[in-house]
Amino acid sequence: MKFFDKIIHFLSTIVYILVIVYILSLLPNLFGYKYYIMSSSDMEPVYYKNTIIYYKKVDKENIYIGDYISYQDEEETKVARVTFIKDNQFYVKTNNKNDVGKTIDYSQILGKNFQIITKYLGVYTAFVKSNLVLCSLIALVIIILDIILNKRKKKKVLVIDE
């Protein structure tokens, strides 16, 4: 039984760490940043697939040639580099060699990209986000088991014969 207790305690420690990492990856939301997880490799080597990109809406005067932006293209969020600006029109291009670029309107721009987090954390965050209920249930069961086992240990009383 002690082996089972140690396994549960180890798993609960891992769960606590993973929950903290997930919360930290979402922390910039409190400061007005939104995030996007790269779903393609079009922007490599700047942004790798599954990289978390934080972006924030800025005035058009604060977007310059060479900046990386996130924008809405039909139903999909995309990331590109600004290569030319004229009035409200922004000519953007990915790092894909075959991309000829496109013109977008300022109204399509979701924000200027500020920070990225490694692709490994992006894979983890995307997995948890898409399987939130399952991950929450597993974490909850492990944490409850750990709490129960810890209470059982504390209830054991040492009896000394006189």
C-alpha atoms as a PDB file:
ATOM      1  CA  MET A   1       0.000   0.000   0.000  1.00  0.00           C
ATOM      2  CA  LYS A   2       2.898   2.365   0.638  1.00  0.00           C
ATOM      3  CA  PHE A   3       3.999   1.992  -2.977  1.00  0.00           C
ATOM      4  CA  PHE A   4       0.495   3.029  -4.140  1.00  0.00           C
ATOM      5  CA  ASP A   5       0.614   6.018  -1.775  1.00  0.00           C
ATOM      6  CA  LYS A   6       3.953   7.126  -3.218  1.00  0.00           C
ATOM      7  CA  ILE A   7       2.687   6.786  -6.798  1.00  0.00           C
ATOM      8  CA  ILE A   8      -0.409   8.877  -6.026  1.00  0.00           C
ATOM      9  CA  HIS A   9       1.681  11.497  -4.241  1.00  0.00           C
ATOM     10  CA  PHE A  10       4.094  11.655  -7.179  1.00  0.00           C
ATOM     11  CA  LEU A  11       1.223  11.972  -9.672  1.00  0.00           C
ATOM     12  CA  SER A  12      -0.455  14.690  -7.618  1.00  0.00           C
ATOM     13  CA  THR A  13       2.818  16.658  -7.542  1.00  0.00           C
ATOM     14  CA  ILE A  14       3.017  16.392 -11.337  1.00  0.00           C
ATOM     15  CA  VAL A  15      -0.629  17.531 -11.609  1.00  0.00           C
ATOM     16  CA  TYR A  16       0.057  20.555  -9.392  1.00  0.00           C
ATOM     17  CA  ILE A  17       3.043  21.519 -11.528  1.00  0.00           C
ATOM     18  CA  LEU A  18       1.107  21.094 -14.789  1.00  0.00           C
ATOM     19  CA  VAL A  19      -1.805  23.169 -13.485  1.00  0.00           C
ATOM     20  CA  ILE A  20       0.558  25.951 -12.431  1.00  0.00           C
ATOM     21  CA  VAL A  21       2.315  25.899 -15.829  1.00  0.00           C
ATOM     22  CA  TYR A  22      -1.056  26.066 -17.629  1.00  0.00           C
ATOM     23  CA  ILE A  23      -2.206  28.999 -15.495  1.00  0.00           C
ATOM     24  CA  LEU A  24       1.101  30.819 -16.050  1.00  0.00           C
ATOM     25  CA  SER A  25       0.753  30.394 -19.815  1.00  0.00           C
ATOM     26  CA  LEU A  26      -2.616  32.161 -19.631  1.00  0.00           C
ATOM     27  CA  LEU A  27      -1.491  34.895 -17.210  1.00  0.00           C
ATOM     28  CA  PRO A  28      -0.866  37.529 -19.950  1.00  0.00           C
ATOM     29  CA  ASN A  29      -4.648  37.530 -20.576  1.00  0.00           C
ATOM     30  CA  LEU A  30      -4.982  39.552 -17.371  1.00  0.00           C
ATOM     31  CA  PHE A  31      -2.960  42.333 -19.001  1.00  0.00           C
ATOM     32  CA  GLY A  32      -5.029  42.556 -22.177  1.00  0.00           C
ATOM     33  CA  TYR A  33      -3.053  40.106 -24.282  1.00  0.00           C
ATOM     34  CA  LYS A  34      -4.702  37.354 -26.241  1.00  0.00           C
ATOM     35  CA  TYR A  35      -2.942  34.285 -27.467  1.00  0.00           C
ATOM     36  CA  TYR A  36      -2.861  32.169 -30.551  1.00  0.00           C
ATOM     37  CA  ILE A  37      -1.242  28.775 -31.026  1.00  0.00           C
ATOM     38  CA  MET A  38       0.430  28.476 -34.423  1.00  0.00           C
ATOM     39  CA  SER A  39      -1.333  25.751 -36.366  1.00  0.00           C
ATOM     40  CA  SER A  40       1.055  25.689 -39.326  1.00  0.00           C
ATOM     41  CA  SER A  41       4.749  25.986 -40.066  1.00  0.00           C
ATOM     42  CA  ASP A  42       4.326  28.926 -42.497  1.00  0.00           C
ATOM     43  CA  MET A  43       6.203  31.324 -40.221  1.00  0.00           C
ATOM     44  CA  GLU A  44       9.267  29.194 -39.449  1.00  0.00           C
ATOM     45  CA  PRO A  45      11.943  29.922 -38.290  1.00  0.00           C
ATOM     46  CA  VAL A  46      10.384  32.885 -36.446  1.00  0.00           C
ATOM     47  CA  TYR A  47       7.328  31.019 -35.135  1.00  0.00           C
ATOM     48  CA  TYR A  48       7.318  27.240 -35.145  1.00  0.00           C
ATOM     49  CA  LYS A  49       4.172  25.141 -35.321  1.00  0.00           C
ATOM     50  CA  ASN A  50       2.443  24.937 -31.890  1.00  0.00           C
ATOM     51  CA  THR A  51       4.226  28.048 -30.583  1.00  0.00           C
ATOM     52  CA  ILE A  52       2.105  30.278 -28.334  1.00  0.00           C
ATOM     53  CA  ILE A  53       2.030  33.835 -29.669  1.00  0.00           C
ATOM     54  CA  TYR A  54       0.715  36.667 -27.515  1.00  0.00           C
ATOM     55  CA  TYR A  55      -0.742  39.657 -29.298  1.00  0.00           C
ATOM     56  CA  LYS A  56      -2.378  42.902 -28.285  1.00  0.00           C
ATOM     57  CA  LYS A  57      -4.481  45.349 -30.261  1.00  0.00           C
ATOM     58  CA  VAL A  58      -2.528  48.503 -31.077  1.00  0.00           C
ATOM     59  CA  ASP A  59      -3.248  51.655 -33.052  1.00  0.00           C
ATOM     60  CA  LYS A  60      -2.368  51.440 -36.727  1.00  0.00           C
ATOM     61  CA  GLU A  61       0.298  54.108 -36.174  1.00  0.00           C
ATOM     62  CA  ASN A  62       2.176  51.615 -33.965  1.00  0.00           C
ATOM     63  CA  ILE A  63       2.427  48.917 -36.616  1.00  0.00           C
ATOM     64  CA  TYR A  64       5.571  49.185 -38.698  1.00  0.00           C
ATOM     65  CA  ILE A  65       7.107  47.404 -41.654  1.00  0.00           C
ATOM     66  CA  GLY A  66       8.770  44.246 -40.359  1.00  0.00           C
ATOM     67  CA  ASP A  67       6.370  43.801 -37.420  1.00  0.00           C
ATOM     68  CA  TYR A  68       4.645  40.469 -36.956  1.00  0.00           C
ATOM     69  CA  ILE A  69       0.884  40.648 -36.533  1.00  0.00           C
ATOM     70  CA  SER A  70      -2.054  38.334 -35.941  1.00  0.00           C
ATOM     71  CA  TYR A  71      -5.061  38.925 -38.172  1.00  0.00           C
ATOM     72  CA  GLN A  72      -8.446  37.453 -38.973  1.00  0.00           C
ATOM     73  CA  ASP A  73      -8.687  35.866 -42.413  1.00  0.00           C
ATOM     74  CA  GLU A  74     -12.258  34.659 -42.925  1.00  0.00           C
ATOM     75  CA  GLU A  75     -12.801  32.222 -40.026  1.00  0.00           C
ATOM     76  CA  GLU A  76      -9.135  31.632 -39.231  1.00  0.00           C
ATOM     77  CA  THR A  77      -6.524  33.521 -37.224  1.00  0.00           C
ATOM     78  CA  LYS A  78      -3.271  33.910 -39.127  1.00  0.00           C
ATOM     79  CA  VAL A  79       0.153  35.357 -38.418  1.00  0.00           C
ATOM     80  CA  ALA A  80       2.241  37.317 -40.921  1.00  0.00           C
ATOM     81  CA  ARG A  81       4.948  39.940 -41.296  1.00  0.00           C
ATOM     82  CA  VAL A  82       4.032  43.441 -42.465  1.00  0.00           C
ATOM     83  CA  THR A  83       5.963  44.286 -45.641  1.00  0.00           C
ATOM     84  CA  PHE A  84       4.197  47.445 -46.858  1.00  0.00           C
ATOM     85  CA  ILE A  85       1.716  49.963 -45.395  1.00  0.00           C
ATOM     86  CA  LYS A  86      -0.499  52.454 -47.180  1.00  0.00           C
ATOM     87  CA  ASP A  87      -3.307  54.204 -45.290  1.00  0.00           C
ATOM     88  CA  ASN A  88      -5.474  51.443 -43.753  1.00  0.00           C
ATOM     89  CA  GLN A  89      -4.059  48.754 -46.045  1.00  0.00           C
ATOM     90  CA  PHE A  90      -1.317  46.425 -44.870  1.00  0.00           C
ATOM     91  CA  TYR A  91       0.533  44.123 -47.223  1.00  0.00           C
ATOM     92  CA  VAL A  92       1.487  41.008 -45.250  1.00  0.00           C
ATOM     93  CA  LYS A  93       3.448  37.894 -46.022  1.00  0.00           C
ATOM     94  CA  THR A  94       4.340  34.664 -44.235  1.00  0.00           C
ATOM     95  CA  ASN A  95       7.833  33.201 -44.238  1.00  0.00           C
ATOM     96  CA  ASN A  96       6.670  30.459 -46.589  1.00  0.00           C
ATOM     97  CA  LYS A  97       8.667  30.696 -49.836  1.00  0.00           C
ATOM     98  CA  ASN A  98       5.553  30.096 -51.936  1.00  0.00           C
ATOM     99  CA  ASP A  99       3.523  32.870 -50.281  1.00  0.00           C
ATOM    100  CA  VAL A 100       2.981  35.826 -52.608  1.00  0.00           C
ATOM    101  CA  GLY A 101       1.455  37.868 -49.807  1.00  0.00           C
ATOM    102  CA  LYS A 102      -1.866  39.613 -49.498  1.00  0.00           C
ATOM    103  CA  THR A 103      -3.377  42.949 -48.613  1.00  0.00           C
ATOM    104  CA  ILE A 104      -5.473  43.193 -45.469  1.00  0.00           C
ATOM    105  CA  ASP A 105      -7.394  46.027 -43.903  1.00  0.00           C
ATOM    106  CA  TYR A 106      -6.557  47.404 -40.451  1.00  0.00           C
ATOM    107  CA  SER A 107      -9.964  46.154 -39.244  1.00  0.00           C
ATOM    108  CA  GLN A 108      -8.761  42.554 -39.800  1.00  0.00           C
ATOM    109  CA  ILE A 109      -5.735  42.999 -37.546  1.00  0.00           C
ATOM    110  CA  LEU A 110      -6.245  41.386 -34.145  1.00  0.00           C
ATOM    111  CA  GLY A 111      -3.017  42.707 -32.727  1.00  0.00           C
ATOM    112  CA  LYS A 112       0.725  43.105 -32.863  1.00  0.00           C
ATOM    113  CA  ASN A 113       2.676  40.059 -31.731  1.00  0.00           C
ATOM    114  CA  PHE A 114       4.751  40.672 -28.641  1.00  0.00           C
ATOM    115  CA  GLN A 115       5.949  37.472 -27.091  1.00  0.00           C
ATOM    116  CA  ILE A 116       6.211  33.834 -27.926  1.00  0.00           C
ATOM    117  CA  ILE A 117       6.472  30.729 -25.822  1.00  0.00           C
ATOM    118  CA  THR A 118       8.140  27.562 -27.010  1.00  0.00           C
ATOM    119  CA  LYS A 119       6.279  25.093 -29.137  1.00  0.00           C
ATOM    120  CA  TYR A 120       6.400  22.450 -26.407  1.00  0.00           C
ATOM    121  CA  LEU A 121       4.322  24.550 -24.048  1.00  0.00           C
ATOM    122  CA  GLY A 122       2.042  25.327 -26.981  1.00  0.00           C
ATOM    123  CA  VAL A 123       1.413  21.628 -27.583  1.00  0.00           C
ATOM    124  CA  TYR A 124       0.623  21.164 -23.894  1.00  0.00           C
ATOM    125  CA  THR A 125      -1.668  24.219 -23.745  1.00  0.00           C
ATOM    126  CA  ALA A 126      -3.501  23.212 -26.927  1.00  0.00           C
ATOM    127  CA  PHE A 127      -4.008  19.677 -25.599  1.00  0.00           C
ATOM    128  CA  VAL A 128      -5.372  20.876 -22.263  1.00  0.00           C
ATOM    129  CA  LYS A 129      -7.598  23.465 -23.942  1.00  0.00           C
ATOM    130  CA  SER A 130      -9.104  20.904 -26.331  1.00  0.00           C
ATOM    131  CA  ASN A 131      -9.460  18.233 -23.598  1.00  0.00           C
ATOM    132  CA  LEU A 132     -10.243  20.473 -20.641  1.00  0.00           C
ATOM    133  CA  VAL A 133     -12.977  18.289 -19.128  1.00  0.00           C
ATOM    134  CA  LEU A 134     -10.936  15.091 -19.363  1.00  0.00           C
ATOM    135  CA  CYS A 135      -7.779  16.733 -17.987  1.00  0.00           C
ATOM    136  CA  SER A 136      -9.752  18.347 -15.160  1.00  0.00           C
ATOM    137  CA  LEU A 137     -11.366  15.059 -14.157  1.00  0.00           C
ATOM    138  CA  ILE A 138      -8.080  13.160 -14.143  1.00  0.00           C
ATOM    139  CA  ALA A 139      -6.382  15.922 -12.145  1.00  0.00           C
ATOM    140  CA  LEU A 140      -9.281  16.071  -9.696  1.00  0.00           C
ATOM    141  CA  VAL A 141      -9.275  12.295  -9.085  1.00  0.00           C
ATOM    142  CA  ILE A 142      -5.512  12.252  -8.471  1.00  0.00           C
ATOM    143  CA  ILE A 143      -5.636  15.252  -6.126  1.00  0.00           C
ATOM    144  CA  ILE A 144      -8.595  13.818  -4.165  1.00  0.00           C
ATOM    145  CA  LEU A 145      -6.818  10.466  -3.810  1.00  0.00           C
ATOM    146  CA  ASP A 146      -3.724  12.258  -2.542  1.00  0.00           C
ATOM    147  CA  ILE A 147      -5.754  14.241  -0.008  1.00  0.00           C
ATOM    148  CA  ILE A 148      -7.523  11.088   1.231  1.00  0.00           C
ATOM    149  CA  LEU A 149      -4.240   9.184   1.549  1.00  0.00           C
ATOM    150  CA  ASN A 150      -2.616  12.083   3.424  1.00  0.00           C
ATOM    151  CA  LYS A 151      -5.541  12.268   5.868  1.00  0.00           C
ATOM    152  CA  ARG A 152      -5.342   8.505   6.431  1.00  0.00           C
ATOM    153  CA  LYS A 153      -1.637   8.816   7.289  1.00  0.00           C
ATOM    154  CA  LYS A 154      -2.342  11.596   9.783  1.00  0.00           C
ATOM    155  CA  LYS A 155      -5.082   9.570  11.514  1.00  0.00           C
ATOM    156  CA  LYS A 156      -2.724   6.732  12.347  1.00  0.00           C
ATOM    157  CA  VAL A 157      -1.862   7.047  15.979  1.00  0.00           C
ATOM    158  CA  LEU A 158       1.227   5.575  17.493  1.00  0.00           C
ATOM    159  CA  VAL A 159       0.339   3.372  20.456  1.00  0.00           C
ATOM    160  CA  ILE A 160       3.047   2.649  22.989  1.00  0.00           C
ATOM    161  CA  ASP A 161       2.669  -0.259  25.378  1.00  0.00           C
ATOM    162  CA  GLU A 162       3.552   0.508  28.941  1.00  0.00           C
END
